[in-house]
Amino acid sequence: MLYLPATNGQPTYVPTITPLAGYVLVVLDILDFKFWAYINGQWVDLAQGDATAAQNAAISQAQTLANAAQTNAISQAQTLANTAQANAISQAQTLANTAQSGAASQAQTYANTAQANAIAAAKTYTDQQVASITISKYTVSTLPANPQNGWLAFATDGLNSGQSSGSGTGCLVSGNKNSQWIAVWSGAPVAS
């Protein structure tokens, strides 16, 4: 690796190596003795706050991806729910107009089925969005030892808010300056 002076807020030498997902490329500027990290396509000066800027950039990128997936899932679920509701209302009105016995029961059954289908479709869509994020996935017990500050991974059995031990559905985790895996949503060490 070449160590060249910095210009215009980034190291002169721009490596041709792309870091693996969850890893950070670090460069030393020999004139200023600054360490630079290449994270998510941008250079971050690690001299600021014990690599806090690098961690924040990585967490921000992960949060942006998670927010986009959540927004898309909510939109898809709302569209499916609105369609299901319109179909349920139409079916109920038809049954009521023809005075068939059990119209209310059939409409309720149809609405319940439509709601269940909408929820299942929203979950599938969310799972597809999360699966499209290219972050390494591990169980909590197989996360790499001694993570570096700013590393990202997805703990497939990590606990989220309100989940009990052994029932984790997975969460985004980040390495901290103490070489621990931290659940991004809580800021506490990840558990399963």
C-alpha atoms as a PDB file:
ATOM      1  CA  MET A   1       0.000   0.000   0.000  1.00  0.00           C
ATOM      2  CA  LEU A   2       1.305   3.491  -0.836  1.00  0.00           C
ATOM      3  CA  TYR A   3       1.174   6.218   1.801  1.00  0.00           C
ATOM      4  CA  LEU A   4       0.898   9.592   0.059  1.00  0.00           C
ATOM      5  CA  PRO A   5      -0.002  13.096   1.270  1.00  0.00           C
ATOM      6  CA  ALA A   6      -3.632  14.205   1.419  1.00  0.00           C
ATOM      7  CA  THR A   7      -5.145  16.769  -0.947  1.00  0.00           C
ATOM      8  CA  ASN A   8      -8.604  18.324  -0.992  1.00  0.00           C
ATOM      9  CA  GLY A   9      -9.828  16.485   2.113  1.00  0.00           C
ATOM     10  CA  GLN A  10      -8.887  12.976   1.046  1.00  0.00           C
ATOM     11  CA  PRO A  11      -5.728  10.890   0.569  1.00  0.00           C
ATOM     12  CA  THR A  12      -3.906  11.373  -2.736  1.00  0.00           C
ATOM     13  CA  TYR A  13      -3.669   7.648  -3.347  1.00  0.00           C
ATOM     14  CA  VAL A  14      -7.099   6.176  -4.027  1.00  0.00           C
ATOM     15  CA  PRO A  15      -6.833   2.382  -3.721  1.00  0.00           C
ATOM     16  CA  THR A  16      -8.122   0.192  -6.521  1.00  0.00           C
ATOM     17  CA  ILE A  17      -9.169  -2.455  -3.984  1.00  0.00           C
ATOM     18  CA  THR A  18     -12.805  -2.452  -2.919  1.00  0.00           C
ATOM     19  CA  PRO A  19     -13.209  -3.589   0.719  1.00  0.00           C
ATOM     20  CA  LEU A  20     -15.387  -6.637   1.378  1.00  0.00           C
ATOM     21  CA  ALA A  21     -18.828  -5.952   2.822  1.00  0.00           C
ATOM     22  CA  GLY A  22     -18.497  -5.214   6.521  1.00  0.00           C
ATOM     23  CA  TYR A  23     -14.803  -4.191   6.237  1.00  0.00           C
ATOM     24  CA  VAL A  24     -13.204  -0.754   6.049  1.00  0.00           C
ATOM     25  CA  LEU A  25     -10.098   0.273   4.060  1.00  0.00           C
ATOM     26  CA  VAL A  26      -7.780   2.522   6.105  1.00  0.00           C
ATOM     27  CA  VAL A  27      -5.022   4.779   4.652  1.00  0.00           C
ATOM     28  CA  LEU A  28      -2.310   6.719   6.563  1.00  0.00           C
ATOM     29  CA  ASP A  29      -1.509  10.283   5.373  1.00  0.00           C
ATOM     30  CA  ILE A  30       2.205  10.608   6.201  1.00  0.00           C
ATOM     31  CA  LEU A  31       2.317  14.434   6.066  1.00  0.00           C
ATOM     32  CA  ASP A  32      -0.449  15.080   8.570  1.00  0.00           C
ATOM     33  CA  PHE A  33      -0.394  11.677  10.282  1.00  0.00           C
ATOM     34  CA  LYS A  34      -4.114  11.299   9.707  1.00  0.00           C
ATOM     35  CA  PHE A  35      -5.861   8.009   9.186  1.00  0.00           C
ATOM     36  CA  TRP A  36      -8.563   7.924   6.528  1.00  0.00           C
ATOM     37  CA  ALA A  37     -11.226   5.227   6.120  1.00  0.00           C
ATOM     38  CA  TYR A  38     -12.990   4.453   2.837  1.00  0.00           C
ATOM     39  CA  ILE A  39     -16.583   3.659   3.863  1.00  0.00           C
ATOM     40  CA  ASN A  40     -19.626   3.394   1.579  1.00  0.00           C
ATOM     41  CA  GLY A  41     -17.878   5.194  -1.267  1.00  0.00           C
ATOM     42  CA  GLN A  42     -16.508   8.151   0.704  1.00  0.00           C
ATOM     43  CA  TRP A  43     -13.367   9.077   2.660  1.00  0.00           C
ATOM     44  CA  VAL A  44     -13.810   9.724   6.384  1.00  0.00           C
ATOM     45  CA  ASP A  45     -11.124  11.354   8.595  1.00  0.00           C
ATOM     46  CA  LEU A  46     -10.700   8.906  11.499  1.00  0.00           C
ATOM     47  CA  ALA A  47      -8.968  11.529  13.643  1.00  0.00           C
ATOM     48  CA  GLN A  48     -12.403  12.921  14.506  1.00  0.00           C
ATOM     49  CA  GLY A  49     -13.719  11.378  17.709  1.00  0.00           C
ATOM     50  CA  ASP A  50     -11.964   7.988  17.822  1.00  0.00           C
ATOM     51  CA  ALA A  51     -13.505   6.856  14.512  1.00  0.00           C
ATOM     52  CA  THR A  52     -16.966   8.032  15.510  1.00  0.00           C
ATOM     53  CA  ALA A  53     -17.388   9.597  12.089  1.00  0.00           C
ATOM     54  CA  ALA A  54     -16.651   6.267  10.396  1.00  0.00           C
ATOM     55  CA  GLN A  55     -19.115   4.441  12.600  1.00  0.00           C
ATOM     56  CA  ASN A  56     -21.775   7.126  12.072  1.00  0.00           C
ATOM     57  CA  ALA A  57     -21.314   6.979   8.302  1.00  0.00           C
ATOM     58  CA  ALA A  58     -21.706   3.200   8.295  1.00  0.00           C
ATOM     59  CA  ILE A  59     -24.718   3.319  10.611  1.00  0.00           C
ATOM     60  CA  SER A  60     -26.267   6.131   8.560  1.00  0.00           C
ATOM     61  CA  GLN A  61     -25.923   4.073   5.374  1.00  0.00           C
ATOM     62  CA  ALA A  62     -27.475   1.036   7.041  1.00  0.00           C
ATOM     63  CA  GLN A  63     -30.281   3.171   8.506  1.00  0.00           C
ATOM     64  CA  THR A  64     -30.975   4.707   5.084  1.00  0.00           C
ATOM     65  CA  LEU A  65     -31.273   1.225   3.561  1.00  0.00           C
ATOM     66  CA  ALA A  66     -33.476   0.022   6.423  1.00  0.00           C
ATOM     67  CA  ASN A  67     -35.706   3.135   6.192  1.00  0.00           C
ATOM     68  CA  ALA A  68     -36.118   2.665   2.434  1.00  0.00           C
ATOM     69  CA  ALA A  69     -37.048  -0.990   2.938  1.00  0.00           C
ATOM     70  CA  GLN A  70     -39.509  -0.048   5.690  1.00  0.00           C
ATOM     71  CA  THR A  71     -41.080   2.735   3.584  1.00  0.00           C
ATOM     72  CA  ASN A  72     -41.470   0.380   0.616  1.00  0.00           C
ATOM     73  CA  ALA A  73     -42.935  -2.349   2.810  1.00  0.00           C
ATOM     74  CA  ILE A  74     -45.420   0.054   4.412  1.00  0.00           C
ATOM     75  CA  SER A  75     -46.458   1.430   1.019  1.00  0.00           C
ATOM     76  CA  GLN A  76     -46.870  -2.084  -0.412  1.00  0.00           C
ATOM     77  CA  ALA A  77     -48.826  -3.214   2.643  1.00  0.00           C
ATOM     78  CA  GLN A  78     -51.091  -0.137   2.462  1.00  0.00           C
ATOM     79  CA  THR A  79     -51.774  -0.720  -1.242  1.00  0.00           C
ATOM     80  CA  LEU A  80     -52.556  -4.388  -0.612  1.00  0.00           C
ATOM     81  CA  ALA A  81     -54.715  -3.523   2.396  1.00  0.00           C
ATOM     82  CA  ASN A  82     -56.651  -0.876   0.415  1.00  0.00           C
ATOM     83  CA  THR A  83     -57.257  -3.329  -2.432  1.00  0.00           C
ATOM     84  CA  ALA A  84     -58.277  -6.035   0.015  1.00  0.00           C
ATOM     85  CA  GLN A  85     -60.599  -3.626   1.789  1.00  0.00           C
ATOM     86  CA  ALA A  86     -62.211  -2.538  -1.499  1.00  0.00           C
ATOM     87  CA  ASN A  87     -62.683  -6.174  -2.538  1.00  0.00           C
ATOM     88  CA  ALA A  88     -64.114  -7.101   0.856  1.00  0.00           C
ATOM     89  CA  ILE A  89     -66.567  -4.181   0.781  1.00  0.00           C
ATOM     90  CA  SER A  90     -67.632  -5.030  -2.770  1.00  0.00           C
ATOM     91  CA  GLN A  91     -68.136  -8.696  -1.869  1.00  0.00           C
ATOM     92  CA  ALA A  92     -70.081  -7.780   1.271  1.00  0.00           C
ATOM     93  CA  GLN A  93     -72.316  -5.366  -0.670  1.00  0.00           C
ATOM     94  CA  THR A  94     -73.080  -8.001  -3.317  1.00  0.00           C
ATOM     95  CA  LEU A  95     -73.958 -10.550  -0.667  1.00  0.00           C
ATOM     96  CA  ALA A  96     -76.128  -8.078   1.223  1.00  0.00           C
ATOM     97  CA  ASN A  97     -77.962  -6.958  -1.958  1.00  0.00           C
ATOM     98  CA  THR A  98     -78.821 -10.519  -2.893  1.00  0.00           C
ATOM     99  CA  ALA A  99     -79.817 -11.254   0.727  1.00  0.00           C
ATOM    100  CA  GLN A 100     -77.946 -14.529   0.780  1.00  0.00           C
ATOM    101  CA  SER A 101     -77.929 -16.207   4.132  1.00  0.00           C
ATOM    102  CA  GLY A 102     -74.696 -15.791   5.947  1.00  0.00           C
ATOM    103  CA  ALA A 103     -73.654 -12.697   3.944  1.00  0.00           C
ATOM    104  CA  ALA A 104     -72.103 -11.030   6.962  1.00  0.00           C
ATOM    105  CA  SER A 105     -70.207 -14.196   7.884  1.00  0.00           C
ATOM    106  CA  GLN A 106     -68.924 -14.681   4.341  1.00  0.00           C
ATOM    107  CA  ALA A 107     -67.858 -11.022   4.093  1.00  0.00           C
ATOM    108  CA  GLN A 108     -66.002 -11.285   7.381  1.00  0.00           C
ATOM    109  CA  THR A 109     -64.271 -14.457   6.234  1.00  0.00           C
ATOM    110  CA  TYR A 110     -63.306 -12.782   2.954  1.00  0.00           C
ATOM    111  CA  ALA A 111     -62.006  -9.690   4.778  1.00  0.00           C
ATOM    112  CA  ASN A 112     -60.022 -11.835   7.238  1.00  0.00           C
ATOM    113  CA  THR A 113     -58.489 -13.814   4.369  1.00  0.00           C
ATOM    114  CA  ALA A 114     -57.685 -10.634   2.454  1.00  0.00           C
ATOM    115  CA  GLN A 115     -56.095  -9.096   5.545  1.00  0.00           C
ATOM    116  CA  ALA A 116     -54.019 -12.225   6.167  1.00  0.00           C
ATOM    117  CA  ASN A 117     -52.901 -12.200   2.508  1.00  0.00           C
ATOM    118  CA  ALA A 118     -51.971  -8.501   2.725  1.00  0.00           C
ATOM    119  CA  ILE A 119     -49.923  -9.075   5.881  1.00  0.00           C
ATOM    120  CA  ALA A 120     -48.173 -12.093   4.341  1.00  0.00           C
ATOM    121  CA  ALA A 121     -47.416 -10.122   1.162  1.00  0.00           C
ATOM    122  CA  ALA A 122     -46.038  -7.195   3.190  1.00  0.00           C
ATOM    123  CA  LYS A 123     -43.797  -9.556   5.195  1.00  0.00           C
ATOM    124  CA  THR A 124     -42.546 -11.214   2.003  1.00  0.00           C
ATOM    125  CA  TYR A 125     -41.816  -7.808   0.479  1.00  0.00           C
ATOM    126  CA  THR A 126     -39.975  -6.660   3.618  1.00  0.00           C
ATOM    127  CA  ASP A 127     -37.966  -9.897   3.711  1.00  0.00           C
ATOM    128  CA  GLN A 128     -37.024  -9.404   0.048  1.00  0.00           C
ATOM    129  CA  GLN A 129     -35.913  -5.818   0.724  1.00  0.00           C
ATOM    130  CA  VAL A 130     -33.818  -6.850   3.720  1.00  0.00           C
ATOM    131  CA  ALA A 131     -32.351  -9.763   1.732  1.00  0.00           C
ATOM    132  CA  SER A 132     -31.259  -7.336  -1.003  1.00  0.00           C
ATOM    133  CA  ILE A 133     -29.014  -5.429   1.423  1.00  0.00           C
ATOM    134  CA  THR A 134     -25.511  -6.758   0.895  1.00  0.00           C
ATOM    135  CA  ILE A 135     -24.371  -7.054   4.502  1.00  0.00           C
ATOM    136  CA  SER A 136     -22.803 -10.261   5.801  1.00  0.00           C
ATOM    137  CA  LYS A 137     -25.223 -12.372   7.841  1.00  0.00           C
ATOM    138  CA  TYR A 138     -24.360 -14.424  10.918  1.00  0.00           C
ATOM    139  CA  THR A 139     -26.082 -15.840  13.954  1.00  0.00           C
ATOM    140  CA  VAL A 140     -25.134 -14.021  17.156  1.00  0.00           C
ATOM    141  CA  SER A 141     -22.921 -16.961  18.176  1.00  0.00           C
ATOM    142  CA  THR A 142     -21.025 -16.970  14.836  1.00  0.00           C
ATOM    143  CA  LEU A 143     -20.333 -13.220  14.541  1.00  0.00           C
ATOM    144  CA  PRO A 144     -16.594 -12.663  13.914  1.00  0.00           C
ATOM    145  CA  ALA A 145     -14.585 -12.151  17.117  1.00  0.00           C
ATOM    146  CA  ASN A 146     -13.168  -8.712  17.988  1.00  0.00           C
ATOM    147  CA  PRO A 147     -14.972  -6.595  15.386  1.00  0.00           C
ATOM    148  CA  GLN A 148     -13.383  -3.330  14.332  1.00  0.00           C
ATOM    149  CA  ASN A 149     -15.137  -0.039  15.008  1.00  0.00           C
ATOM    150  CA  GLY A 150     -17.659   0.558  12.213  1.00  0.00           C
ATOM    151  CA  TRP A 151     -17.950  -3.011  10.892  1.00  0.00           C
ATOM    152  CA  LEU A 152     -21.535  -3.906   9.943  1.00  0.00           C
ATOM    153  CA  ALA A 153     -23.278  -7.271   9.891  1.00  0.00           C
ATOM    154  CA  PHE A 154     -26.772  -8.700  10.262  1.00  0.00           C
ATOM    155  CA  ALA A 155     -27.347 -10.991  13.262  1.00  0.00           C
ATOM    156  CA  THR A 156     -30.078 -13.311  11.945  1.00  0.00           C
ATOM    157  CA  ASP A 157     -31.212 -14.308  15.435  1.00  0.00           C
ATOM    158  CA  GLY A 158     -30.496 -10.971  17.173  1.00  0.00           C
ATOM    159  CA  LEU A 159     -33.174  -9.697  19.531  1.00  0.00           C
ATOM    160  CA  ASN A 160     -35.287  -6.652  18.682  1.00  0.00           C
ATOM    161  CA  SER A 161     -37.363  -4.546  21.066  1.00  0.00           C
ATOM    162  CA  GLY A 162     -39.863  -6.652  23.004  1.00  0.00           C
ATOM    163  CA  GLN A 163     -38.420 -10.011  21.932  1.00  0.00           C
ATOM    164  CA  SER A 164     -37.450 -12.601  24.505  1.00  0.00           C
ATOM    165  CA  SER A 165     -34.334 -14.758  24.607  1.00  0.00           C
ATOM    166  CA  GLY A 166     -34.336 -17.399  21.871  1.00  0.00           C
ATOM    167  CA  SER A 167     -36.998 -15.654  19.747  1.00  0.00           C
ATOM    168  CA  GLY A 168     -34.875 -13.031  17.957  1.00  0.00           C
ATOM    169  CA  THR A 169     -35.906 -12.242  14.373  1.00  0.00           C
ATOM    170  CA  GLY A 170     -32.620 -10.549  13.456  1.00  0.00           C
ATOM    171  CA  CYS A 171     -31.121  -7.069  13.675  1.00  0.00           C
ATOM    172  CA  LEU A 172     -28.360  -4.902  12.210  1.00  0.00           C
ATOM    173  CA  VAL A 173     -25.185  -4.866  14.329  1.00  0.00           C
ATOM    174  CA  SER A 174     -22.054  -2.698  14.311  1.00  0.00           C
ATOM    175  CA  GLY A 175     -18.589  -3.162  15.789  1.00  0.00           C
ATOM    176  CA  ASN A 176     -17.695  -0.531  18.392  1.00  0.00           C
ATOM    177  CA  LYS A 177     -14.381   0.858  19.680  1.00  0.00           C
ATOM    178  CA  ASN A 178     -14.376  -1.807  22.427  1.00  0.00           C
ATOM    179  CA  SER A 179     -14.438  -4.641  19.834  1.00  0.00           C
ATOM    180  CA  GLN A 180     -18.039  -5.558  20.687  1.00  0.00           C
ATOM    181  CA  TRP A 181     -21.002  -6.204  18.396  1.00  0.00           C
ATOM    182  CA  ILE A 182     -23.703  -3.626  19.201  1.00  0.00           C
ATOM    183  CA  ALA A 183     -27.361  -3.812  18.082  1.00  0.00           C
ATOM    184  CA  VAL A 184     -27.827  -0.633  16.019  1.00  0.00           C
ATOM    185  CA  TRP A 185     -31.433  -0.153  17.194  1.00  0.00           C
ATOM    186  CA  SER A 186     -30.523  -0.188  20.917  1.00  0.00           C
ATOM    187  CA  GLY A 187     -26.839   0.747  21.197  1.00  0.00           C
ATOM    188  CA  ALA A 188     -26.356  -2.240  23.526  1.00  0.00           C
ATOM    189  CA  PRO A 189     -24.451  -5.504  22.931  1.00  0.00           C
ATOM    190  CA  VAL A 190     -26.486  -7.808  20.687  1.00  0.00           C
ATOM    191  CA  ALA A 191     -28.226 -10.817  22.266  1.00  0.00           C
ATOM    192  CA  SER A 192     -30.127 -13.751  20.805  1.00  0.00           C
END
